[in-house]
Amino acid sequence: MNTLNINVENLTREERKQVFDLFEKSQTKKPLRFEPKKYQSYYSVLEAGDIEGSQWGDGYIDEKRTQHGNVFRKTKTAEQAANKHRAVNKIAAFVEQFDDGWEADWQNRGQTKNFICFTPITKEYEILCTTVTRDPARIYMSYACATALREALNSGEYEL
């Protein structure tokens, strides 16, 4: 942390006010997420993936959307979230259908946990894996399931 010593006795009343205002601002943490003020507009993603504009009212639904990370300042950000959510849900549905009960064992470093990624250079889906790191936004699966999903995505048989 940087330290700054200021002799305020040499400053005018207005300069002192500016210094104290700046100090107060420097001590204020920026919120980790967008927090609308009363009656301020925001966007959220509805259950079917549609984007809805709303006005903040400090109500039950506003609070629930905030708890679920579903309050966005911009339409574009809400659309990006909806697209990612849709893709994750479709991957989860595929895995549920084809993974035959496989479960990630995070205590077992010998077990590979596979996931699918799109590679813009090749314009194809690829299989990547991990043994110890965990991403909360990723769906992990067996290698056989990942292979089937990759083939279905790259052939166009299944879309995200």
C-alpha atoms as a PDB file:
ATOM      1  CA  MET A   1       0.000   0.000   0.000  1.00  0.00           C
ATOM      2  CA  ASN A   2       1.248   3.505  -0.822  1.00  0.00           C
ATOM      3  CA  THR A   3       1.564   6.055   1.991  1.00  0.00           C
ATOM      4  CA  LEU A   4       1.163   9.780   1.556  1.00  0.00           C
ATOM      5  CA  ASN A   5       1.808  12.382   4.246  1.00  0.00           C
ATOM      6  CA  ILE A   6       0.164  15.773   3.771  1.00  0.00           C
ATOM      7  CA  ASN A   7       0.605  18.827   5.954  1.00  0.00           C
ATOM      8  CA  VAL A   8      -2.963  20.187   5.792  1.00  0.00           C
ATOM      9  CA  GLU A   9      -2.015  23.326   7.747  1.00  0.00           C
ATOM     10  CA  ASN A  10      -0.551  24.802   4.561  1.00  0.00           C
ATOM     11  CA  LEU A  11      -3.788  24.226   2.621  1.00  0.00           C
ATOM     12  CA  THR A  12      -6.796  26.459   2.153  1.00  0.00           C
ATOM     13  CA  ARG A  13     -10.197  25.362   3.433  1.00  0.00           C
ATOM     14  CA  GLU A  14     -11.205  24.313  -0.116  1.00  0.00           C
ATOM     15  CA  GLU A  15      -7.969  22.373  -0.649  1.00  0.00           C
ATOM     16  CA  ARG A  16      -8.444  20.592   2.684  1.00  0.00           C
ATOM     17  CA  LYS A  17     -11.972  19.621   1.669  1.00  0.00           C
ATOM     18  CA  GLN A  18     -10.624  18.228  -1.624  1.00  0.00           C
ATOM     19  CA  VAL A  19      -7.929  16.231   0.194  1.00  0.00           C
ATOM     20  CA  PHE A  20     -10.402  14.780   2.694  1.00  0.00           C
ATOM     21  CA  ASP A  21     -12.886  13.977  -0.087  1.00  0.00           C
ATOM     22  CA  LEU A  22     -10.143  12.178  -2.022  1.00  0.00           C
ATOM     23  CA  PHE A  23      -9.082  10.301   1.102  1.00  0.00           C
ATOM     24  CA  GLU A  24     -12.666   9.186   1.736  1.00  0.00           C
ATOM     25  CA  LYS A  25     -13.028   8.091  -1.889  1.00  0.00           C
ATOM     26  CA  SER A  26      -9.790   6.093  -1.665  1.00  0.00           C
ATOM     27  CA  GLN A  27     -11.139   4.224   1.370  1.00  0.00           C
ATOM     28  CA  THR A  28     -14.400   3.233  -0.328  1.00  0.00           C
ATOM     29  CA  LYS A  29     -14.391  -0.205  -1.904  1.00  0.00           C
ATOM     30  CA  LYS A  30     -16.013  -0.611  -5.285  1.00  0.00           C
ATOM     31  CA  PRO A  31     -18.869  -3.156  -5.132  1.00  0.00           C
ATOM     32  CA  LEU A  32     -17.995  -6.553  -6.588  1.00  0.00           C
ATOM     33  CA  ARG A  33     -21.086  -6.460  -8.789  1.00  0.00           C
ATOM     34  CA  PHE A  34     -23.503  -3.925 -10.223  1.00  0.00           C
ATOM     35  CA  GLU A  35     -25.864  -2.690  -7.516  1.00  0.00           C
ATOM     36  CA  PRO A  36     -28.649  -0.546  -8.993  1.00  0.00           C
ATOM     37  CA  LYS A  37     -30.086   2.305  -6.998  1.00  0.00           C
ATOM     38  CA  LYS A  38     -33.849   2.599  -6.406  1.00  0.00           C
ATOM     39  CA  TYR A  39     -35.715   3.049  -9.742  1.00  0.00           C
ATOM     40  CA  GLN A  40     -32.521   2.531 -11.769  1.00  0.00           C
ATOM     41  CA  SER A  41     -32.873   0.346 -14.864  1.00  0.00           C
ATOM     42  CA  TYR A  42     -31.185  -3.044 -15.075  1.00  0.00           C
ATOM     43  CA  TYR A  43     -31.404  -6.236 -17.156  1.00  0.00           C
ATOM     44  CA  SER A  44     -31.804  -9.872 -16.201  1.00  0.00           C
ATOM     45  CA  VAL A  45     -32.103 -13.245 -17.919  1.00  0.00           C
ATOM     46  CA  LEU A  46     -35.478 -14.987 -17.628  1.00  0.00           C
ATOM     47  CA  GLU A  47     -35.928 -18.753 -17.291  1.00  0.00           C
ATOM     48  CA  ALA A  48     -36.247 -19.331 -21.069  1.00  0.00           C
ATOM     49  CA  GLY A  49     -33.197 -17.166 -21.813  1.00  0.00           C
ATOM     50  CA  ASP A  50     -35.039 -13.976 -22.763  1.00  0.00           C
ATOM     51  CA  ILE A  51     -33.639 -10.649 -21.572  1.00  0.00           C
ATOM     52  CA  GLU A  52     -35.910  -8.473 -19.460  1.00  0.00           C
ATOM     53  CA  GLY A  53     -35.407  -4.829 -18.586  1.00  0.00           C
ATOM     54  CA  SER A  54     -36.593  -3.839 -15.118  1.00  0.00           C
ATOM     55  CA  GLN A  55     -36.435  -0.996 -12.646  1.00  0.00           C
ATOM     56  CA  TRP A  56     -34.843  -1.639  -9.279  1.00  0.00           C
ATOM     57  CA  GLY A  57     -37.413  -1.529  -6.500  1.00  0.00           C
ATOM     58  CA  ASP A  58     -35.606  -3.180  -3.568  1.00  0.00           C
ATOM     59  CA  GLY A  59     -38.183  -5.957  -3.855  1.00  0.00           C
ATOM     60  CA  TYR A  60     -38.051  -9.725  -3.411  1.00  0.00           C
ATOM     61  CA  ILE A  61     -37.391 -10.462  -7.092  1.00  0.00           C
ATOM     62  CA  ASP A  62     -34.643  -7.812  -7.253  1.00  0.00           C
ATOM     63  CA  GLU A  63     -32.880  -9.394  -4.282  1.00  0.00           C
ATOM     64  CA  LYS A  64     -33.245 -12.949  -5.670  1.00  0.00           C
ATOM     65  CA  ARG A  65     -31.816 -11.867  -9.024  1.00  0.00           C
ATOM     66  CA  THR A  66     -28.883 -10.251  -7.217  1.00  0.00           C
ATOM     67  CA  GLN A  67     -28.237 -13.405  -5.166  1.00  0.00           C
ATOM     68  CA  HIS A  68     -28.092 -15.443  -8.390  1.00  0.00           C
ATOM     69  CA  GLY A  69     -25.811 -12.990 -10.225  1.00  0.00           C
ATOM     70  CA  ASN A  70     -28.615 -12.053 -12.596  1.00  0.00           C
ATOM     71  CA  VAL A  71     -28.520  -8.232 -12.498  1.00  0.00           C
ATOM     72  CA  PHE A  72     -26.738  -6.499 -15.375  1.00  0.00           C
ATOM     73  CA  ARG A  73     -26.167  -2.867 -16.265  1.00  0.00           C
ATOM     74  CA  LYS A  74     -26.137  -3.522 -20.047  1.00  0.00           C
ATOM     75  CA  THR A  75     -28.267  -5.601 -22.402  1.00  0.00           C
ATOM     76  CA  LYS A  76     -25.133  -6.940 -24.084  1.00  0.00           C
ATOM     77  CA  THR A  77     -23.788  -8.332 -20.811  1.00  0.00           C
ATOM     78  CA  ALA A  78     -27.142  -9.995 -20.062  1.00  0.00           C
ATOM     79  CA  GLU A  79     -27.159 -11.538 -23.560  1.00  0.00           C
ATOM     80  CA  GLN A  80     -23.638 -12.907 -23.057  1.00  0.00           C
ATOM     81  CA  ALA A  81     -24.701 -14.418 -19.736  1.00  0.00           C
ATOM     82  CA  ALA A  82     -27.808 -15.952 -21.329  1.00  0.00           C
ATOM     83  CA  ASN A  83     -25.755 -17.522 -24.129  1.00  0.00           C
ATOM     84  CA  LYS A  84     -23.222 -18.975 -21.713  1.00  0.00           C
ATOM     85  CA  HIS A  85     -25.969 -20.275 -19.417  1.00  0.00           C
ATOM     86  CA  ARG A  86     -27.728 -21.903 -22.381  1.00  0.00           C
ATOM     87  CA  ALA A  87     -24.491 -23.599 -23.500  1.00  0.00           C
ATOM     88  CA  VAL A  88     -23.716 -24.885 -19.989  1.00  0.00           C
ATOM     89  CA  ASN A  89     -27.275 -26.229 -19.637  1.00  0.00           C
ATOM     90  CA  LYS A  90     -27.086 -28.011 -22.995  1.00  0.00           C
ATOM     91  CA  ILE A  91     -23.744 -29.583 -22.094  1.00  0.00           C
ATOM     92  CA  ALA A  92     -25.185 -30.688 -18.722  1.00  0.00           C
ATOM     93  CA  ALA A  93     -28.213 -32.228 -20.483  1.00  0.00           C
ATOM     94  CA  PHE A  94     -25.933 -34.147 -22.888  1.00  0.00           C
ATOM     95  CA  VAL A  95     -23.747 -35.388 -20.032  1.00  0.00           C
ATOM     96  CA  GLU A  96     -26.787 -36.465 -18.015  1.00  0.00           C
ATOM     97  CA  GLN A  97     -28.017 -38.470 -21.010  1.00  0.00           C
ATOM     98  CA  PHE A  98     -24.723 -40.114 -22.024  1.00  0.00           C
ATOM     99  CA  ASP A  99     -22.283 -40.238 -19.113  1.00  0.00           C
ATOM    100  CA  ASP A 100     -23.594 -43.456 -17.494  1.00  0.00           C
ATOM    101  CA  GLY A 101     -23.242 -42.237 -13.901  1.00  0.00           C
ATOM    102  CA  TRP A 102     -19.609 -41.089 -14.109  1.00  0.00           C
ATOM    103  CA  GLU A 103     -18.721 -38.639 -11.318  1.00  0.00           C
ATOM    104  CA  ALA A 104     -15.664 -36.512 -10.782  1.00  0.00           C
ATOM    105  CA  ASP A 105     -13.658 -37.650  -7.768  1.00  0.00           C
ATOM    106  CA  TRP A 106     -11.712 -34.542  -6.740  1.00  0.00           C
ATOM    107  CA  GLN A 107      -9.719 -36.515  -4.165  1.00  0.00           C
ATOM    108  CA  ASN A 108      -8.356 -38.765  -6.938  1.00  0.00           C
ATOM    109  CA  ARG A 109      -5.562 -37.004  -8.815  1.00  0.00           C
ATOM    110  CA  GLY A 110      -5.253 -39.972 -11.150  1.00  0.00           C
ATOM    111  CA  GLN A 111      -8.749 -39.479 -12.564  1.00  0.00           C
ATOM    112  CA  THR A 112      -8.982 -37.074 -15.492  1.00  0.00           C
ATOM    113  CA  LYS A 113     -11.946 -34.733 -15.496  1.00  0.00           C
ATOM    114  CA  ASN A 114     -12.722 -33.853 -19.115  1.00  0.00           C
ATOM    115  CA  PHE A 115     -14.505 -30.809 -20.515  1.00  0.00           C
ATOM    116  CA  ILE A 116     -15.258 -29.279 -23.894  1.00  0.00           C
ATOM    117  CA  CYS A 117     -13.843 -26.003 -25.246  1.00  0.00           C
ATOM    118  CA  PHE A 118     -14.290 -24.258 -28.578  1.00  0.00           C
ATOM    119  CA  THR A 119     -11.027 -23.358 -30.322  1.00  0.00           C
ATOM    120  CA  PRO A 120     -11.444 -20.293 -32.577  1.00  0.00           C
ATOM    121  CA  ILE A 121      -8.281 -21.073 -34.583  1.00  0.00           C
ATOM    122  CA  THR A 122      -9.495 -24.504 -35.728  1.00  0.00           C
ATOM    123  CA  LYS A 123     -13.189 -23.581 -35.386  1.00  0.00           C
ATOM    124  CA  GLU A 124     -13.767 -26.900 -33.667  1.00  0.00           C
ATOM    125  CA  TYR A 125     -14.609 -28.186 -30.228  1.00  0.00           C
ATOM    126  CA  GLU A 126     -11.751 -29.855 -28.381  1.00  0.00           C
ATOM    127  CA  ILE A 127     -11.452 -32.024 -25.276  1.00  0.00           C
ATOM    128  CA  LEU A 128      -9.372 -30.638 -22.433  1.00  0.00           C
ATOM    129  CA  CYS A 129      -8.871 -32.180 -19.016  1.00  0.00           C
ATOM    130  CA  THR A 130      -7.771 -31.495 -15.484  1.00  0.00           C
ATOM    131  CA  THR A 131      -7.015 -33.634 -12.477  1.00  0.00           C
ATOM    132  CA  VAL A 132      -7.040 -31.125  -9.619  1.00  0.00           C
ATOM    133  CA  THR A 133      -8.310 -27.667 -10.634  1.00  0.00           C
ATOM    134  CA  ARG A 134     -12.030 -27.018 -10.633  1.00  0.00           C
ATOM    135  CA  ASP A 135     -13.969 -24.312 -12.487  1.00  0.00           C
ATOM    136  CA  PRO A 136     -17.517 -23.735 -11.159  1.00  0.00           C
ATOM    137  CA  ALA A 137     -18.767 -22.809 -14.646  1.00  0.00           C
ATOM    138  CA  ARG A 138     -17.546 -26.032 -16.299  1.00  0.00           C
ATOM    139  CA  ILE A 139     -19.295 -29.354 -16.722  1.00  0.00           C
ATOM    140  CA  TYR A 140     -16.865 -32.254 -16.239  1.00  0.00           C
ATOM    141  CA  MET A 141     -17.384 -35.656 -17.838  1.00  0.00           C
ATOM    142  CA  SER A 142     -15.737 -38.967 -18.672  1.00  0.00           C
ATOM    143  CA  TYR A 143     -13.467 -39.154 -21.705  1.00  0.00           C
ATOM    144  CA  ALA A 144     -15.993 -41.326 -23.566  1.00  0.00           C
ATOM    145  CA  CYS A 145     -18.750 -38.760 -23.007  1.00  0.00           C
ATOM    146  CA  ALA A 146     -16.436 -35.877 -23.973  1.00  0.00           C
ATOM    147  CA  THR A 147     -15.520 -37.685 -27.183  1.00  0.00           C
ATOM    148  CA  ALA A 148     -19.195 -38.253 -28.058  1.00  0.00           C
ATOM    149  CA  LEU A 149     -20.059 -34.618 -27.293  1.00  0.00           C
ATOM    150  CA  ARG A 150     -17.101 -33.292 -29.304  1.00  0.00           C
ATOM    151  CA  GLU A 151     -18.105 -35.402 -32.304  1.00  0.00           C
ATOM    152  CA  ALA A 152     -21.773 -34.363 -32.046  1.00  0.00           C
ATOM    153  CA  LEU A 153     -20.822 -30.669 -31.802  1.00  0.00           C
ATOM    154  CA  ASN A 154     -18.236 -30.717 -34.601  1.00  0.00           C
ATOM    155  CA  SER A 155     -20.585 -32.607 -36.951  1.00  0.00           C
ATOM    156  CA  GLY A 156     -23.445 -30.179 -36.252  1.00  0.00           C
ATOM    157  CA  GLU A 157     -25.607 -32.980 -34.854  1.00  0.00           C
ATOM    158  CA  TYR A 158     -25.765 -31.137 -31.505  1.00  0.00           C
ATOM    159  CA  GLU A 159     -25.643 -27.364 -31.028  1.00  0.00           C
ATOM    160  CA  LEU A 160     -24.994 -25.195 -28.032  1.00  0.00           C
END
